[in-house]
Protein backbone atom coordinates (compact mmCIF):
# COMPACT_ATOMS: atom_id res chain seq x y z
CA MET A 1 -0.56 -42.43 47.38
CA GLN A 2 -3.94 -43.16 48.35
CA LEU A 3 -7.60 -42.28 47.42
CA VAL A 4 -10.11 -42.43 50.08
CA VAL A 5 -13.57 -42.56 49.06
CA HIS A 6 -16.89 -42.33 51.17
CA TRP A 7 -20.31 -42.61 49.72
CA CYS A 8 -23.92 -42.80 50.63
CA TYR A 9 -26.53 -44.82 48.62
CA THR A 10 -30.12 -45.26 48.51
CA LEU A 11 -32.31 -47.76 46.13
CA GLY A 12 -29.24 -48.65 44.22
CA VAL A 13 -28.22 -44.92 43.57
CA VAL A 14 -24.97 -43.33 44.81
CA ARG A 15 -26.53 -40.28 46.17
CA SER A 16 -23.35 -38.45 47.72
CA ILE A 17 -19.75 -38.97 47.56
CA ASP A 18 -16.64 -37.44 49.22
CA ARG A 19 -13.10 -38.04 47.97
CA LEU A 20 -9.68 -37.32 49.55
CA PRO A 21 -6.45 -37.87 47.65
CA ILE A 22 -3.44 -38.52 50.05
CA ILE A 23 0.17 -38.38 49.49
CA GLU A 24 2.32 -39.94 52.26
CA CYS A 25 5.78 -39.22 50.78
CA CYS A 26 8.34 -40.08 49.95
CA GLY A 27 11.58 -41.00 51.28
CA PRO A 28 15.10 -39.54 50.62
CA VAL A 29 15.11 -40.11 46.84
CA TRP A 30 11.54 -39.57 45.66
CA SER A 31 9.47 -36.27 45.70
CA PHE A 32 5.86 -35.68 44.85
CA THR A 33 5.61 -32.88 42.22
CA GLY A 34 1.84 -32.76 41.86
CA TRP A 35 -1.35 -34.06 40.62
CA ILE A 36 -1.48 -34.99 36.78
CA THR A 37 -5.31 -35.65 36.86
CA GLN A 38 -8.04 -35.68 39.59
CA ASP A 39 -11.30 -36.81 37.99
CA PHE A 40 -14.21 -36.50 40.51
CA PRO A 41 -17.61 -36.53 38.75
CA PRO A 42 -20.72 -35.84 41.00
CA ALA A 43 -22.75 -38.46 42.60
CA ASP A 44 -26.30 -39.52 41.38
CA GLY A 45 -25.83 -42.77 39.40
CA TYR A 46 -25.84 -46.55 39.75
CA SER A 47 -22.05 -46.24 39.91
CA VAL A 48 -19.54 -43.42 40.08
CA ARG A 49 -15.82 -43.58 39.11
CA SER A 50 -13.21 -41.49 41.03
CA PHE A 51 -9.59 -41.32 39.43
CA VAL A 52 -6.26 -39.75 40.51
CA GLN A 53 -2.84 -39.74 38.84
CA GLY A 54 0.22 -38.20 40.60
CA GLN A 55 3.69 -37.27 39.48
CA PHE A 56 6.84 -38.25 41.36
CA GLN A 57 10.26 -37.38 40.52
CA TYR A 58 13.57 -39.23 41.59
CA SER A 59 15.40 -36.69 43.32
CA LEU A 60 19.08 -37.62 42.71
CA PRO A 61 20.83 -35.45 40.24
CA TRP A 62 22.33 -38.15 38.18
CA PHE A 63 19.20 -39.92 37.66
CA GLY A 64 16.33 -38.17 35.97
CA GLY A 65 13.53 -40.73 36.33
CA GLY A 66 9.91 -40.31 37.37
CA LYS A 67 6.76 -42.23 37.80
CA ALA A 68 3.15 -41.44 37.41
CA PRO A 69 1.09 -43.96 39.43
CA TRP A 70 -2.72 -43.82 39.20
CA ILE A 71 -5.65 -45.18 41.29
CA ALA A 72 -9.35 -45.67 40.15
CA ILE A 73 -12.26 -46.54 42.51
CA VAL A 74 -15.77 -47.19 41.21
CA VAL A 75 -18.63 -47.11 43.96
CA HIS A 76 -21.87 -48.57 43.27
CA GLY A 77 -25.44 -47.96 44.58
CA ASP A 78 -25.52 -51.39 46.26
CA GLY A 79 -22.65 -50.50 48.58
CA SER A 80 -19.91 -52.45 46.77
CA TYR A 81 -16.72 -51.06 45.08
CA ASP A 82 -14.02 -51.80 42.61
CA TRP A 83 -10.68 -50.60 42.49
CA MET A 84 -7.69 -50.57 40.12
CA TRP A 85 -4.25 -49.13 40.22
CA GLY A 86 -1.12 -48.94 38.14
């Protein structure tokens, strides 16, 4: 799972932002079942946070487990960024 973020900034303010959540999945035992959350607020601030969380299911019938990983990327008007995942 990936979150690609491109942004433009001027004078310390994020003026535009584009996001693309990507699933490159999954192998023989995991399947992507959908997005739980996609939070993409508009640009126009000193920082803008983008967040996605996906749902993955273990596909072997005798094991009913799943995972819900997430990615958050915060872009700033000075061109820097921070990211977190879990």
